[in-house]
Amino acid sequence: MNFLSDITTKAQAWVLLALSALALELCALFFQYVMDLAPCIMCVYQRLAIAAIIAAGLIGSKLHQYMLARLLAYSLWATGSIWGLIIALEHVEMQSSTASLFFSCEFTPNFPTWAPLHEWMPFLFEATGDCGEISWQFLGYSMPQWMVVVYAGYAMAFFLILLNRLVIARKF
């Protein structure tokens, strides 16, 4: 129990979180630029959720000894994993819907006007694909279906560690 509670007070766990999310971001760029798979708007939003997890890992790895920084890292981790899971589930629904022939997604992300990420970093956040198109599968599952698994894993890890920290805190 103490191991899980203490893991986020050490830099290594946060580095692992950041590196795992960075690996996913690099995979997305590989799919886009090497395999020539165009990202859709939902893919772009999922990339942003992964970027939040990377930021959480970076903040936690550098400032893990400060409670306020850990809270910020926890918030980014939770937001990225839960929001990413919601977006991935919605993306799976778009692809499996019987009305998907009549569905078309937007090409311009709905980022705030003060942070137009698709204009600042179009190589990462510009949407050029169709949300309903399934152009890649692995073991019979599409990319959004695999991302549901990824985000669920991140969310479960977050809640397990958070629950453990709360239980340990109540014991003292």
C-alpha atoms as a PDB file:
ATOM      1  CA  MET A   1       0.000   0.000   0.000  1.00  0.00           C
ATOM      2  CA  ASN A   2       2.756   2.441   0.900  1.00  0.00           C
ATOM      3  CA  PHE A   3       4.500   1.735  -2.410  1.00  0.00           C
ATOM      4  CA  LEU A   4       1.551   3.067  -4.440  1.00  0.00           C
ATOM      5  CA  SER A   5       1.108   5.981  -2.092  1.00  0.00           C
ATOM      6  CA  ASP A   6       4.761   6.987  -2.293  1.00  0.00           C
ATOM      7  CA  ILE A   7       5.261   6.381  -5.998  1.00  0.00           C
ATOM      8  CA  THR A   8       4.151   9.878  -7.024  1.00  0.00           C
ATOM      9  CA  THR A   9       6.571  11.522  -4.627  1.00  0.00           C
ATOM     10  CA  LYS A  10       9.447  10.158  -6.727  1.00  0.00           C
ATOM     11  CA  ALA A  11      10.556  11.447 -10.105  1.00  0.00           C
ATOM     12  CA  GLN A  12      10.838   8.032 -11.781  1.00  0.00           C
ATOM     13  CA  ALA A  13       7.109   7.329 -11.795  1.00  0.00           C
ATOM     14  CA  TRP A  14       6.359  10.709 -13.322  1.00  0.00           C
ATOM     15  CA  VAL A  15       9.099  10.226 -15.939  1.00  0.00           C
ATOM     16  CA  LEU A  16       7.537   6.877 -16.855  1.00  0.00           C
ATOM     17  CA  LEU A  17       4.147   8.566 -17.249  1.00  0.00           C
ATOM     18  CA  ALA A  18       5.622  11.271 -19.499  1.00  0.00           C
ATOM     19  CA  LEU A  19       7.637   8.793 -21.575  1.00  0.00           C
ATOM     20  CA  SER A  20       4.692   6.454 -22.122  1.00  0.00           C
ATOM     21  CA  ALA A  21       2.525   9.338 -23.330  1.00  0.00           C
ATOM     22  CA  LEU A  22       5.366  10.729 -25.456  1.00  0.00           C
ATOM     23  CA  ALA A  23       5.726   7.304 -27.092  1.00  0.00           C
ATOM     24  CA  LEU A  24       2.027   7.436 -28.006  1.00  0.00           C
ATOM     25  CA  GLU A  25       2.406  10.946 -29.425  1.00  0.00           C
ATOM     26  CA  LEU A  26       5.384   9.779 -31.507  1.00  0.00           C
ATOM     27  CA  CYS A  27       3.348   6.797 -32.720  1.00  0.00           C
ATOM     28  CA  ALA A  28       0.627   9.194 -33.848  1.00  0.00           C
ATOM     29  CA  LEU A  29       3.203  11.189 -35.822  1.00  0.00           C
ATOM     30  CA  PHE A  30       4.565   7.956 -37.300  1.00  0.00           C
ATOM     31  CA  PHE A  31       1.067   6.975 -38.425  1.00  0.00           C
ATOM     32  CA  GLN A  32       0.535  10.438 -39.903  1.00  0.00           C
ATOM     33  CA  TYR A  33       3.843  11.106 -41.624  1.00  0.00           C
ATOM     34  CA  VAL A  34       5.256   7.638 -42.381  1.00  0.00           C
ATOM     35  CA  MET A  35       2.119   5.557 -42.905  1.00  0.00           C
ATOM     36  CA  ASP A  36       0.275   8.546 -44.435  1.00  0.00           C
ATOM     37  CA  LEU A  37      -2.849   8.200 -42.250  1.00  0.00           C
ATOM     38  CA  ALA A  38      -4.572  11.588 -42.008  1.00  0.00           C
ATOM     39  CA  PRO A  39      -5.708  12.552 -38.472  1.00  0.00           C
ATOM     40  CA  CYS A  40      -9.322  13.565 -38.014  1.00  0.00           C
ATOM     41  CA  ILE A  41     -10.656  16.130 -35.556  1.00  0.00           C
ATOM     42  CA  MET A  42     -11.216  13.458 -32.895  1.00  0.00           C
ATOM     43  CA  CYS A  43      -7.619  12.263 -33.354  1.00  0.00           C
ATOM     44  CA  VAL A  44      -6.425  15.829 -32.832  1.00  0.00           C
ATOM     45  CA  TYR A  45      -8.400  16.121 -29.597  1.00  0.00           C
ATOM     46  CA  GLN A  46      -6.981  12.787 -28.432  1.00  0.00           C
ATOM     47  CA  ARG A  47      -3.484  14.087 -29.210  1.00  0.00           C
ATOM     48  CA  LEU A  48      -4.190  17.066 -26.984  1.00  0.00           C
ATOM     49  CA  ALA A  49      -5.306  14.742 -24.188  1.00  0.00           C
ATOM     50  CA  ILE A  50      -2.036  12.810 -24.542  1.00  0.00           C
ATOM     51  CA  ALA A  51      -0.150  16.123 -24.464  1.00  0.00           C
ATOM     52  CA  ALA A  52      -1.838  16.882 -21.119  1.00  0.00           C
ATOM     53  CA  ILE A  53      -0.572  13.551 -19.777  1.00  0.00           C
ATOM     54  CA  ILE A  54       2.927  14.356 -21.042  1.00  0.00           C
ATOM     55  CA  ALA A  55       2.736  17.731 -19.277  1.00  0.00           C
ATOM     56  CA  ALA A  56       1.585  16.010 -16.095  1.00  0.00           C
ATOM     57  CA  GLY A  57       4.557  13.678 -16.221  1.00  0.00           C
ATOM     58  CA  LEU A  58       7.013  16.505 -16.882  1.00  0.00           C
ATOM     59  CA  ILE A  59       5.661  18.665 -14.061  1.00  0.00           C
ATOM     60  CA  GLY A  60       5.580  15.718 -11.682  1.00  0.00           C
ATOM     61  CA  SER A  61       9.101  14.623 -12.586  1.00  0.00           C
ATOM     62  CA  LYS A  62      10.647  18.043 -12.017  1.00  0.00           C
ATOM     63  CA  LEU A  63       8.527  19.322  -9.125  1.00  0.00           C
ATOM     64  CA  HIS A  64       7.295  16.139  -7.395  1.00  0.00           C
ATOM     65  CA  GLN A  65       8.530  17.335  -3.992  1.00  0.00           C
ATOM     66  CA  TYR A  66       6.035  20.236  -3.982  1.00  0.00           C
ATOM     67  CA  MET A  67       2.422  19.455  -3.114  1.00  0.00           C
ATOM     68  CA  LEU A  68       0.972  22.217  -5.324  1.00  0.00           C
ATOM     69  CA  ALA A  69       2.934  20.984  -8.355  1.00  0.00           C
ATOM     70  CA  ARG A  70       1.823  17.402  -7.696  1.00  0.00           C
ATOM     71  CA  LEU A  71      -1.798  18.590  -7.531  1.00  0.00           C
ATOM     72  CA  LEU A  72      -1.356  20.321 -10.889  1.00  0.00           C
ATOM     73  CA  ALA A  73       0.217  17.161 -12.316  1.00  0.00           C
ATOM     74  CA  TYR A  74      -2.615  15.026 -10.905  1.00  0.00           C
ATOM     75  CA  SER A  75      -5.156  17.424 -12.442  1.00  0.00           C
ATOM     76  CA  LEU A  76      -3.536  17.258 -15.867  1.00  0.00           C
ATOM     77  CA  TRP A  77      -3.242  13.467 -15.659  1.00  0.00           C
ATOM     78  CA  ALA A  78      -6.904  13.093 -14.679  1.00  0.00           C
ATOM     79  CA  THR A  79      -8.108  15.584 -17.278  1.00  0.00           C
ATOM     80  CA  GLY A  80      -6.045  14.043 -20.061  1.00  0.00           C
ATOM     81  CA  SER A  81      -7.013  10.464 -19.293  1.00  0.00           C
ATOM     82  CA  ILE A  82     -10.720  11.040 -18.640  1.00  0.00           C
ATOM     83  CA  TRP A  83     -11.274  13.565 -21.439  1.00  0.00           C
ATOM     84  CA  GLY A  84      -9.268  11.371 -23.806  1.00  0.00           C
ATOM     85  CA  LEU A  85     -11.377   8.351 -22.860  1.00  0.00           C
ATOM     86  CA  ILE A  86     -14.585  10.277 -23.531  1.00  0.00           C
ATOM     87  CA  ILE A  87     -13.314  11.489 -26.912  1.00  0.00           C
ATOM     88  CA  ALA A  88     -12.066   8.004 -27.877  1.00  0.00           C
ATOM     89  CA  LEU A  89     -15.422   6.446 -26.938  1.00  0.00           C
ATOM     90  CA  GLU A  90     -17.220   9.074 -29.000  1.00  0.00           C
ATOM     91  CA  HIS A  91     -14.864   8.373 -31.896  1.00  0.00           C
ATOM     92  CA  VAL A  92     -15.585   4.626 -31.686  1.00  0.00           C
ATOM     93  CA  GLU A  93     -19.302   5.414 -31.714  1.00  0.00           C
ATOM     94  CA  MET A  94     -18.857   7.565 -34.829  1.00  0.00           C
ATOM     95  CA  GLN A  95     -17.071   4.747 -36.611  1.00  0.00           C
ATOM     96  CA  SER A  96     -19.533   2.044 -35.608  1.00  0.00           C
ATOM     97  CA  SER A  97     -22.735   4.018 -36.141  1.00  0.00           C
ATOM     98  CA  THR A  98     -25.034   2.768 -38.865  1.00  0.00           C
ATOM     99  CA  ALA A  99     -25.622   6.377 -39.866  1.00  0.00           C
ATOM    100  CA  SER A 100     -21.888   6.941 -40.417  1.00  0.00           C
ATOM    101  CA  LEU A 101     -22.466   7.240 -44.170  1.00  0.00           C
ATOM    102  CA  PHE A 102     -24.214  10.533 -43.510  1.00  0.00           C
ATOM    103  CA  PHE A 103     -21.778  11.699 -40.867  1.00  0.00           C
ATOM    104  CA  SER A 104     -18.962  14.119 -41.518  1.00  0.00           C
ATOM    105  CA  CYS A 105     -16.744  15.692 -38.927  1.00  0.00           C
ATOM    106  CA  GLU A 106     -15.279  19.157 -38.878  1.00  0.00           C
ATOM    107  CA  PHE A 107     -11.788  19.907 -40.122  1.00  0.00           C
ATOM    108  CA  THR A 108     -11.075  22.882 -37.874  1.00  0.00           C
ATOM    109  CA  PRO A 109     -10.520  22.073 -34.202  1.00  0.00           C
ATOM    110  CA  ASN A 110     -12.568  23.995 -31.687  1.00  0.00           C
ATOM    111  CA  PHE A 111      -9.634  25.390 -29.703  1.00  0.00           C
ATOM    112  CA  PRO A 112     -10.012  28.624 -27.747  1.00  0.00           C
ATOM    113  CA  THR A 113      -9.227  31.795 -29.710  1.00  0.00           C
ATOM    114  CA  TRP A 114      -6.395  32.537 -27.293  1.00  0.00           C
ATOM    115  CA  ALA A 115      -4.774  29.143 -28.033  1.00  0.00           C
ATOM    116  CA  PRO A 116      -5.245  28.151 -31.688  1.00  0.00           C
ATOM    117  CA  LEU A 117      -3.009  25.085 -31.466  1.00  0.00           C
ATOM    118  CA  HIS A 118      -3.903  24.008 -35.001  1.00  0.00           C
ATOM    119  CA  GLU A 119      -2.362  27.274 -36.254  1.00  0.00           C
ATOM    120  CA  TRP A 120       0.626  27.266 -33.910  1.00  0.00           C
ATOM    121  CA  MET A 121       1.530  23.598 -34.443  1.00  0.00           C
ATOM    122  CA  PRO A 122      -0.274  22.369 -37.562  1.00  0.00           C
ATOM    123  CA  PHE A 123       2.107  19.388 -37.870  1.00  0.00           C
ATOM    124  CA  LEU A 124       0.535  18.032 -34.670  1.00  0.00           C
ATOM    125  CA  PHE A 125      -2.950  19.539 -34.345  1.00  0.00           C
ATOM    126  CA  GLU A 126      -4.233  20.055 -37.886  1.00  0.00           C
ATOM    127  CA  ALA A 127      -7.112  17.748 -38.847  1.00  0.00           C
ATOM    128  CA  THR A 128      -7.116  16.480 -42.417  1.00  0.00           C
ATOM    129  CA  GLY A 129      -8.866  13.113 -42.140  1.00  0.00           C
ATOM    130  CA  ASP A 130     -12.384  11.765 -41.841  1.00  0.00           C
ATOM    131  CA  CYS A 131     -13.643  10.637 -38.414  1.00  0.00           C
ATOM    132  CA  GLY A 132     -15.704   7.769 -39.791  1.00  0.00           C
ATOM    133  CA  GLU A 133     -12.934   6.212 -41.867  1.00  0.00           C
ATOM    134  CA  ILE A 134     -11.210   3.132 -40.457  1.00  0.00           C
ATOM    135  CA  SER A 135      -7.891   3.024 -42.271  1.00  0.00           C
ATOM    136  CA  TRP A 136      -5.849   1.058 -39.719  1.00  0.00           C
ATOM    137  CA  GLN A 137      -6.559  -1.960 -37.541  1.00  0.00           C
ATOM    138  CA  PHE A 138      -4.498  -4.137 -35.238  1.00  0.00           C
ATOM    139  CA  LEU A 139      -5.876  -7.465 -33.977  1.00  0.00           C
ATOM    140  CA  GLY A 140      -9.258  -6.469 -35.377  1.00  0.00           C
ATOM    141  CA  TYR A 141      -9.515  -3.201 -33.451  1.00  0.00           C
ATOM    142  CA  SER A 142      -9.368   0.298 -34.903  1.00  0.00           C
ATOM    143  CA  MET A 143      -7.140   3.058 -33.583  1.00  0.00           C
ATOM    144  CA  PRO A 144      -9.910   4.720 -31.513  1.00  0.00           C
ATOM    145  CA  GLN A 145     -10.723   1.351 -29.950  1.00  0.00           C
ATOM    146  CA  TRP A 146      -7.086   0.942 -28.927  1.00  0.00           C
ATOM    147  CA  MET A 147      -7.094   4.484 -27.575  1.00  0.00           C
ATOM    148  CA  VAL A 148     -10.065   3.568 -25.368  1.00  0.00           C
ATOM    149  CA  VAL A 149      -7.843   0.865 -23.862  1.00  0.00           C
ATOM    150  CA  VAL A 150      -4.934   3.319 -23.473  1.00  0.00           C
ATOM    151  CA  TYR A 151      -6.997   6.054 -21.829  1.00  0.00           C
ATOM    152  CA  ALA A 152      -8.796   3.548 -19.606  1.00  0.00           C
ATOM    153  CA  GLY A 153      -5.388   2.316 -18.456  1.00  0.00           C
ATOM    154  CA  TYR A 154      -4.219   5.842 -17.684  1.00  0.00           C
ATOM    155  CA  ALA A 155      -7.474   6.603 -15.868  1.00  0.00           C
ATOM    156  CA  MET A 156      -7.391   3.377 -13.844  1.00  0.00           C
ATOM    157  CA  ALA A 157      -3.781   4.012 -12.840  1.00  0.00           C
ATOM    158  CA  PHE A 158      -4.694   7.547 -11.792  1.00  0.00           C
ATOM    159  CA  PHE A 159      -7.682   6.455  -9.713  1.00  0.00           C
ATOM    160  CA  LEU A 160      -5.774   3.569  -8.137  1.00  0.00           C
ATOM    161  CA  ILE A 161      -2.956   5.861  -7.015  1.00  0.00           C
ATOM    162  CA  LEU A 162      -5.357   8.607  -5.913  1.00  0.00           C
ATOM    163  CA  LEU A 163      -7.490   6.165  -3.927  1.00  0.00           C
ATOM    164  CA  ASN A 164      -4.394   4.683  -2.353  1.00  0.00           C
ATOM    165  CA  ARG A 165      -3.094   8.138  -1.365  1.00  0.00           C
ATOM    166  CA  LEU A 166      -6.459   9.017   0.184  1.00  0.00           C
ATOM    167  CA  VAL A 167      -6.571   5.743   2.166  1.00  0.00           C
ATOM    168  CA  ILE A 168      -3.025   6.252   3.436  1.00  0.00           C
ATOM    169  CA  ALA A 169      -3.806   9.863   4.350  1.00  0.00           C
ATOM    170  CA  ARG A 170      -6.804   8.774   6.452  1.00  0.00           C
ATOM    171  CA  LYS A 171      -4.679   6.289   8.395  1.00  0.00           C
ATOM    172  CA  PHE A 172      -2.434   9.045   9.718  1.00  0.00           C
END
